[in-house]
Amino acid sequence: MTQKEPRIDVVVDRDPDGPNNVTVYVAGELYSGAHVHHIDPGAGGADDEWFATVTAHADDVPVRVRQSIDETASDYR
């Protein structure tokens, strides 16, 4: 018998006049260990500086997460 994966809920508070906030719940419980990666080229679109910044990853970011961020950012170029 396979174990059912826990439900994960992500609440994104996108404040147009302030910072975005993300809250993660796992099986209905607040989870404080989430790592949030924002990919937002802004209204003017992506430029080389933005792309270099968003695709510069900390050493502890998993390879698959890096690939996902890089692929998504590339879509804006």
PDB file of N, CA and C in Angstrom:
ATOM      1  N   MET A   1       0.836  -1.172   0.000  1.00  0.00           N
ATOM      2  CA  MET A   1       0.000   0.000   0.000  1.00  0.00           C
ATOM      3  C   MET A   1       0.888   1.245   0.000  1.00  0.00           C
ATOM      4  N   THR A   2       0.611   2.209  -0.889  1.00  0.00           N
ATOM      5  CA  THR A   2       1.386   3.441  -0.939  1.00  0.00           C
ATOM      6  C   THR A   2       0.781   4.478  -0.007  1.00  0.00           C
ATOM      7  N   GLN A   3       1.660   5.256   0.573  1.00  0.00           N
ATOM      8  CA  GLN A   3       1.212   6.295   1.483  1.00  0.00           C
ATOM      9  C   GLN A   3       0.774   7.513   0.683  1.00  0.00           C
ATOM     10  N   LYS A   4      -0.348   8.106   1.062  1.00  0.00           N
ATOM     11  CA  LYS A   4      -0.857   9.292   0.396  1.00  0.00           C
ATOM     12  C   LYS A   4       0.050  10.479   0.722  1.00  0.00           C
ATOM     13  N   GLU A   5       0.392  11.253  -0.291  1.00  0.00           N
ATOM     14  CA  GLU A   5       1.217  12.435  -0.079  1.00  0.00           C
ATOM     15  C   GLU A   5       0.409  13.486   0.678  1.00  0.00           C
ATOM     16  N   PRO A   6       1.080  14.267   1.536  1.00  0.00           N
ATOM     17  CA  PRO A   6       0.353  15.291   2.282  1.00  0.00           C
ATOM     18  C   PRO A   6      -0.095  16.425   1.364  1.00  0.00           C
ATOM     19  N   ARG A   7      -1.192  17.035   1.710  1.00  0.00           N
ATOM     20  CA  ARG A   7      -1.681  18.194   0.970  1.00  0.00           C
ATOM     21  C   ARG A   7      -0.770  19.376   1.273  1.00  0.00           C
ATOM     22  N   ILE A   8      -0.417  20.119   0.231  1.00  0.00           N
ATOM     23  CA  ILE A   8       0.394  21.324   0.384  1.00  0.00           C
ATOM     24  C   ILE A   8      -0.411  22.492  -0.168  1.00  0.00           C
ATOM     25  N   ASP A   9      -0.588  23.526   0.642  1.00  0.00           N
ATOM     26  CA  ASP A   9      -1.284  24.742   0.220  1.00  0.00           C
ATOM     27  C   ASP A   9      -0.305  25.905   0.283  1.00  0.00           C
ATOM     28  N   VAL A  10      -0.298  26.710  -0.769  1.00  0.00           N
ATOM     29  CA  VAL A  10       0.572  27.872  -0.840  1.00  0.00           C
ATOM     30  C   VAL A  10      -0.306  29.108  -1.015  1.00  0.00           C
ATOM     31  N   VAL A  11      -0.169  30.057  -0.094  1.00  0.00           N
ATOM     32  CA  VAL A  11      -0.938  31.295  -0.145  1.00  0.00           C
ATOM     33  C   VAL A  11       0.020  32.415  -0.532  1.00  0.00           C
ATOM     34  N   VAL A  12      -0.258  33.063  -1.667  1.00  0.00           N
ATOM     35  CA  VAL A  12       0.577  34.155  -2.147  1.00  0.00           C
ATOM     36  C   VAL A  12      -0.191  35.461  -1.978  1.00  0.00           C
ATOM     37  N   ASP A  13       0.382  36.358  -1.197  1.00  0.00           N
ATOM     38  CA  ASP A  13      -0.194  37.684  -0.993  1.00  0.00           C
ATOM     39  C   ASP A  13       0.615  38.644  -1.847  1.00  0.00           C
ATOM     40  N   ARG A  14       0.071  38.958  -3.027  1.00  0.00           N
ATOM     41  CA  ARG A  14       0.782  39.839  -3.959  1.00  0.00           C
ATOM     42  C   ARG A  14       0.283  41.259  -3.752  1.00  0.00           C
ATOM     43  N   ASP A  15       1.010  42.001  -2.959  1.00  0.00           N
ATOM     44  CA  ASP A  15       0.667  43.381  -2.656  1.00  0.00           C
ATOM     45  C   ASP A  15       1.238  44.281  -3.743  1.00  0.00           C
ATOM     46  N   PRO A  16       0.399  44.948  -4.536  1.00  0.00           N
ATOM     47  CA  PRO A  16       0.926  45.780  -5.618  1.00  0.00           C
ATOM     48  C   PRO A  16       1.724  46.986  -5.114  1.00  0.00           C
ATOM     49  N   ASP A  17       1.551  47.330  -3.842  1.00  0.00           N
ATOM     50  CA  ASP A  17       2.252  48.488  -3.288  1.00  0.00           C
ATOM     51  C   ASP A  17       3.299  48.111  -2.254  1.00  0.00           C
ATOM     52  N   GLY A  18       3.596  46.813  -2.124  1.00  0.00           N
ATOM     53  CA  GLY A  18       4.564  46.373  -1.122  1.00  0.00           C
ATOM     54  C   GLY A  18       5.134  45.027  -1.497  1.00  0.00           C
ATOM     55  N   PRO A  19       5.818  44.411  -0.556  1.00  0.00           N
ATOM     56  CA  PRO A  19       6.440  43.113  -0.849  1.00  0.00           C
ATOM     57  C   PRO A  19       5.409  41.993  -0.966  1.00  0.00           C
ATOM     58  N   ASN A  20       5.750  40.988  -1.731  1.00  0.00           N
ATOM     59  CA  ASN A  20       4.920  39.786  -1.819  1.00  0.00           C
ATOM     60  C   ASN A  20       5.233  38.896  -0.624  1.00  0.00           C
ATOM     61  N   ASN A  21       4.207  38.251  -0.097  1.00  0.00           N
ATOM     62  CA  ASN A  21       4.393  37.326   1.011  1.00  0.00           C
ATOM     63  C   ASN A  21       3.832  35.968   0.622  1.00  0.00           C
ATOM     64  N   VAL A  22       4.555  34.914   0.990  1.00  0.00           N
ATOM     65  CA  VAL A  22       4.138  33.552   0.685  1.00  0.00           C
ATOM     66  C   VAL A  22       4.077  32.773   1.992  1.00  0.00           C
ATOM     67  N   THR A  23       2.960  32.080   2.194  1.00  0.00           N
ATOM     68  CA  THR A  23       2.793  31.233   3.366  1.00  0.00           C
ATOM     69  C   THR A  23       2.502  29.820   2.878  1.00  0.00           C
ATOM     70  N   VAL A  24       3.173  28.835   3.470  1.00  0.00           N
ATOM     71  CA  VAL A  24       3.032  27.443   3.051  1.00  0.00           C
ATOM     72  C   VAL A  24       2.460  26.625   4.206  1.00  0.00           C
ATOM     73  N   TYR A  25       1.492  25.773   3.857  1.00  0.00           N
ATOM     74  CA  TYR A  25       0.899  24.852   4.820  1.00  0.00           C
ATOM     75  C   TYR A  25       1.071  23.431   4.291  1.00  0.00           C
ATOM     76  N   VAL A  26       1.506  22.523   5.143  1.00  0.00           N
ATOM     77  CA  VAL A  26       1.617  21.112   4.795  1.00  0.00           C
ATOM     78  C   VAL A  26       0.660  20.361   5.707  1.00  0.00           C
ATOM     79  N   ALA A  27      -0.283  19.653   5.092  1.00  0.00           N
ATOM     80  CA  ALA A  27      -1.316  18.922   5.838  1.00  0.00           C
ATOM     81  C   ALA A  27      -2.025  19.851   6.820  1.00  0.00           C
ATOM     82  N   GLY A  28      -2.265  21.098   6.387  1.00  0.00           N
ATOM     83  CA  GLY A  28      -2.999  22.056   7.195  1.00  0.00           C
ATOM     84  C   GLY A  28      -2.184  22.764   8.266  1.00  0.00           C
ATOM     85  N   GLU A  29      -0.912  22.419   8.393  1.00  0.00           N
ATOM     86  CA  GLU A  29      -0.053  23.031   9.410  1.00  0.00           C
ATOM     87  C   GLU A  29       0.923  23.997   8.753  1.00  0.00           C
ATOM     88  N   LEU A  30       1.131  25.151   9.391  1.00  0.00           N
ATOM     89  CA  LEU A  30       2.077  26.130   8.876  1.00  0.00           C
ATOM     90  C   LEU A  30       3.459  25.497   8.764  1.00  0.00           C
ATOM     91  N   TYR A  31       4.074  25.672   7.612  1.00  0.00           N
ATOM     92  CA  TYR A  31       5.408  25.134   7.362  1.00  0.00           C
ATOM     93  C   TYR A  31       6.353  26.310   7.193  1.00  0.00           C
ATOM     94  N   SER A  32       7.357  26.413   8.046  1.00  0.00           N
ATOM     95  CA  SER A  32       8.243  27.569   8.011  1.00  0.00           C
ATOM     96  C   SER A  32       9.551  27.310   7.269  1.00  0.00           C
ATOM     97  N   GLY A  33       9.740  26.116   6.721  1.00  0.00           N
ATOM     98  CA  GLY A  33      10.995  25.790   6.062  1.00  0.00           C
ATOM     99  C   GLY A  33      10.991  25.964   4.560  1.00  0.00           C
ATOM    100  N   ALA A  34       9.959  26.597   4.008  1.00  0.00           N
ATOM    101  CA  ALA A  34       9.871  26.746   2.555  1.00  0.00           C
ATOM    102  C   ALA A  34      10.868  27.785   2.049  1.00  0.00           C
ATOM    103  N   HIS A  35      11.409  27.535   0.883  1.00  0.00           N
ATOM    104  CA  HIS A  35      12.299  28.473   0.210  1.00  0.00           C
ATOM    105  C   HIS A  35      11.519  29.033  -0.975  1.00  0.00           C
ATOM    106  N   VAL A  36      11.352  30.336  -1.017  1.00  0.00           N
ATOM    107  CA  VAL A  36      10.536  30.981  -2.045  1.00  0.00           C
ATOM    108  C   VAL A  36      11.453  31.641  -3.062  1.00  0.00           C
ATOM    109  N   HIS A  37      11.187  31.396  -4.332  1.00  0.00           N
ATOM    110  CA  HIS A  37      11.961  31.970  -5.424  1.00  0.00           C
ATOM    111  C   HIS A  37      11.005  32.794  -6.278  1.00  0.00           C
ATOM    112  N   HIS A  38      11.246  34.094  -6.390  1.00  0.00           N
ATOM    113  CA  HIS A  38      10.391  34.982  -7.181  1.00  0.00           C
ATOM    114  C   HIS A  38      10.987  35.152  -8.570  1.00  0.00           C
ATOM    115  N   ILE A  39      10.133  35.006  -9.569  1.00  0.00           N
ATOM    116  CA  ILE A  39      10.541  35.236 -10.950  1.00  0.00           C
ATOM    117  C   ILE A  39       9.594  36.305 -11.486  1.00  0.00           C
ATOM    118  N   ASP A  40      10.054  37.539 -11.484  1.00  0.00           N
ATOM    119  CA  ASP A  40       9.200  38.661 -11.870  1.00  0.00           C
ATOM    120  C   ASP A  40      10.016  39.671 -12.663  1.00  0.00           C
ATOM    121  N   PRO A  41       9.919  39.626 -14.002  1.00  0.00           N
ATOM    122  CA  PRO A  41      10.708  40.543 -14.809  1.00  0.00           C
ATOM    123  C   PRO A  41      10.184  41.974 -14.780  1.00  0.00           C
ATOM    124  N   GLY A  42       9.003  42.186 -14.229  1.00  0.00           N
ATOM    125  CA  GLY A  42       8.431  43.526 -14.182  1.00  0.00           C
ATOM    126  C   GLY A  42       7.741  43.888 -15.480  1.00  0.00           C
ATOM    127  N   ALA A  43       7.047  44.989 -15.445  1.00  0.00           N
ATOM    128  CA  ALA A  43       6.231  45.403 -16.584  1.00  0.00           C
ATOM    129  C   ALA A  43       7.067  45.713 -17.828  1.00  0.00           C
ATOM    130  N   GLY A  44       8.292  46.174 -17.632  1.00  0.00           N
ATOM    131  CA  GLY A  44       9.136  46.527 -18.771  1.00  0.00           C
ATOM    132  C   GLY A  44       9.779  45.339 -19.450  1.00  0.00           C
ATOM    133  N   GLY A  45       9.626  44.149 -18.856  1.00  0.00           N
ATOM    134  CA  GLY A  45      10.224  42.960 -19.434  1.00  0.00           C
ATOM    135  C   GLY A  45      11.608  42.692 -18.874  1.00  0.00           C
ATOM    136  N   ALA A  46      12.143  41.583 -19.283  1.00  0.00           N
ATOM    137  CA  ALA A  46      13.437  41.123 -18.764  1.00  0.00           C
ATOM    138  C   ALA A  46      14.581  41.772 -19.519  1.00  0.00           C
ATOM    139  N   ASP A  47      15.648  42.092 -18.787  1.00  0.00           N
ATOM    140  CA  ASP A  47      16.875  42.536 -19.431  1.00  0.00           C
ATOM    141  C   ASP A  47      18.008  41.626 -18.961  1.00  0.00           C
ATOM    142  N   ASP A  48      19.195  41.846 -19.478  1.00  0.00           N
ATOM    143  CA  ASP A  48      20.320  40.962 -19.144  1.00  0.00           C
ATOM    144  C   ASP A  48      20.664  40.994 -17.663  1.00  0.00           C
ATOM    145  N   GLU A  49      20.584  42.160 -17.037  1.00  0.00           N
ATOM    146  CA  GLU A  49      20.907  42.267 -15.614  1.00  0.00           C
ATOM    147  C   GLU A  49      19.895  41.479 -14.781  1.00  0.00           C
ATOM    148  N   TRP A  50      18.609  41.624 -15.099  1.00  0.00           N
ATOM    149  CA  TRP A  50      17.575  40.877 -14.392  1.00  0.00           C
ATOM    150  C   TRP A  50      17.803  39.382 -14.552  1.00  0.00           C
ATOM    151  N   PHE A  51      18.053  38.938 -15.778  1.00  0.00           N
ATOM    152  CA  PHE A  51      18.251  37.518 -16.040  1.00  0.00           C
ATOM    153  C   PHE A  51      19.444  36.972 -15.263  1.00  0.00           C
ATOM    154  N   ALA A  52      20.541  37.709 -15.244  1.00  0.00           N
ATOM    155  CA  ALA A  52      21.731  37.267 -14.510  1.00  0.00           C
ATOM    156  C   ALA A  52      21.440  37.167 -13.016  1.00  0.00           C
ATOM    157  N   THR A  53      20.671  38.096 -12.498  1.00  0.00           N
ATOM    158  CA  THR A  53      20.340  38.093 -11.071  1.00  0.00           C
ATOM    159  C   THR A  53      19.429  36.929 -10.709  1.00  0.00           C
ATOM    160  N   VAL A  54      18.384  36.704 -11.500  1.00  0.00           N
ATOM    161  CA  VAL A  54      17.406  35.660 -11.159  1.00  0.00           C
ATOM    162  C   VAL A  54      17.966  34.255 -11.383  1.00  0.00           C
ATOM    163  N   THR A  55      18.977  34.130 -12.224  1.00  0.00           N
ATOM    164  CA  THR A  55      19.554  32.811 -12.482  1.00  0.00           C
ATOM    165  C   THR A  55      20.848  32.569 -11.711  1.00  0.00           C
ATOM    166  N   ALA A  56      21.202  33.466 -10.809  1.00  0.00           N
ATOM    167  CA  ALA A  56      22.339  33.258  -9.904  1.00  0.00           C
ATOM    168  C   ALA A  56      21.793  32.586  -8.646  1.00  0.00           C
ATOM    169  N   HIS A  57      22.162  31.342  -8.424  1.00  0.00           N
ATOM    170  CA  HIS A  57      21.559  30.544  -7.354  1.00  0.00           C
ATOM    171  C   HIS A  57      22.534  30.310  -6.203  1.00  0.00           C
ATOM    172  N   ALA A  58      21.979  30.252  -5.004  1.00  0.00           N
ATOM    173  CA  ALA A  58      22.782  29.872  -3.837  1.00  0.00           C
ATOM    174  C   ALA A  58      23.212  28.415  -4.000  1.00  0.00           C
ATOM    175  N   ASP A  59      24.295  28.056  -3.358  1.00  0.00           N
ATOM    176  CA  ASP A  59      24.835  26.698  -3.487  1.00  0.00           C
ATOM    177  C   ASP A  59      23.863  25.615  -3.027  1.00  0.00           C
ATOM    178  N   ASP A  60      22.963  25.946  -2.096  1.00  0.00           N
ATOM    179  CA  ASP A  60      22.069  24.917  -1.548  1.00  0.00           C
ATOM    180  C   ASP A  60      20.770  24.736  -2.336  1.00  0.00           C
ATOM    181  N   VAL A  61      20.592  25.481  -3.436  1.00  0.00           N
ATOM    182  CA  VAL A  61      19.383  25.317  -4.251  1.00  0.00           C
ATOM    183  C   VAL A  61      19.514  24.033  -5.063  1.00  0.00           C
ATOM    184  N   PRO A  62      18.543  23.114  -4.926  1.00  0.00           N
ATOM    185  CA  PRO A  62      18.615  21.845  -5.661  1.00  0.00           C
ATOM    186  C   PRO A  62      18.671  22.048  -7.180  1.00  0.00           C
ATOM    187  N   VAL A  63      19.334  21.139  -7.858  1.00  0.00           N
ATOM    188  CA  VAL A  63      19.531  21.231  -9.306  1.00  0.00           C
ATOM    189  C   VAL A  63      18.199  21.367 -10.041  1.00  0.00           C
ATOM    190  N   ARG A  64      17.211  20.565  -9.690  1.00  0.00           N
ATOM    191  CA  ARG A  64      15.921  20.623 -10.397  1.00  0.00           C
ATOM    192  C   ARG A  64      15.228  21.967 -10.194  1.00  0.00           C
ATOM    193  N   VAL A  65      15.383  22.558  -9.023  1.00  0.00           N
ATOM    194  CA  VAL A  65      14.811  23.886  -8.771  1.00  0.00           C
ATOM    195  C   VAL A  65      15.534  24.932  -9.609  1.00  0.00           C
ATOM    196  N   ARG A  66      16.866  24.828  -9.666  1.00  0.00           N
ATOM    197  CA  ARG A  66      17.648  25.744 -10.512  1.00  0.00           C
ATOM    198  C   ARG A  66      17.184  25.668 -11.959  1.00  0.00           C
ATOM    199  N   GLN A  67      17.027  24.441 -12.447  1.00  0.00           N
ATOM    200  CA  GLN A  67      16.606  24.242 -13.838  1.00  0.00           C
ATOM    201  C   GLN A  67      15.232  24.857 -14.087  1.00  0.00           C
ATOM    202  N   SER A  68      14.319  24.676 -13.154  1.00  0.00           N
ATOM    203  CA  SER A  68      12.970  25.223 -13.299  1.00  0.00           C
ATOM    204  C   SER A  68      12.996  26.750 -13.334  1.00  0.00           C
ATOM    205  N   ILE A  69      13.763  27.347 -12.435  1.00  0.00           N
ATOM    206  CA  ILE A  69      13.879  28.809 -12.410  1.00  0.00           C
ATOM    207  C   ILE A  69      14.500  29.311 -13.713  1.00  0.00           C
ATOM    208  N   ASP A  70      15.584  28.677 -14.140  1.00  0.00           N
ATOM    209  CA  ASP A  70      16.272  29.097 -15.360  1.00  0.00           C
ATOM    210  C   ASP A  70      15.365  28.971 -16.587  1.00  0.00           C
ATOM    211  N   GLU A  71      14.616  27.882 -16.679  1.00  0.00           N
ATOM    212  CA  GLU A  71      13.701  27.674 -17.809  1.00  0.00           C
ATOM    213  C   GLU A  71      12.603  28.731 -17.816  1.00  0.00           C
ATOM    214  N   THR A  72      12.041  29.011 -16.652  1.00  0.00           N
ATOM    215  CA  THR A  72      10.977  30.010 -16.568  1.00  0.00           C
ATOM    216  C   THR A  72      11.516  31.390 -16.909  1.00  0.00           C
ATOM    217  N   ALA A  73      12.681  31.752 -16.364  1.00  0.00           N
ATOM    218  CA  ALA A  73      13.282  33.052 -16.665  1.00  0.00           C
ATOM    219  C   ALA A  73      13.606  33.178 -18.151  1.00  0.00           C
ATOM    220  N   SER A  74      14.051  32.105 -18.762  1.00  0.00           N
ATOM    221  CA  SER A  74      14.381  32.131 -20.190  1.00  0.00           C
ATOM    222  C   SER A  74      13.161  32.438 -21.043  1.00  0.00           C
ATOM    223  N   ASP A  75      11.988  32.037 -20.581  1.00  0.00           N
ATOM    224  CA  ASP A  75      10.754  32.327 -21.312  1.00  0.00           C
ATOM    225  C   ASP A  75      10.475  33.824 -21.420  1.00  0.00           C
ATOM    226  N   TYR A  76      11.063  34.630 -20.528  1.00  0.00           N
ATOM    227  CA  TYR A  76      10.848  36.071 -20.542  1.00  0.00           C
ATOM    228  C   TYR A  76      11.858  36.806 -21.404  1.00  0.00           C
ATOM    229  N   ARG A  77      12.840  36.092 -21.918  1.00  0.00           N
ATOM    230  CA  ARG A  77      13.881  36.748 -22.739  1.00  0.00           C
ATOM    231  C   ARG A  77      13.501  36.788 -24.185  1.00  0.00           C
TER     232      ARG A  77
END
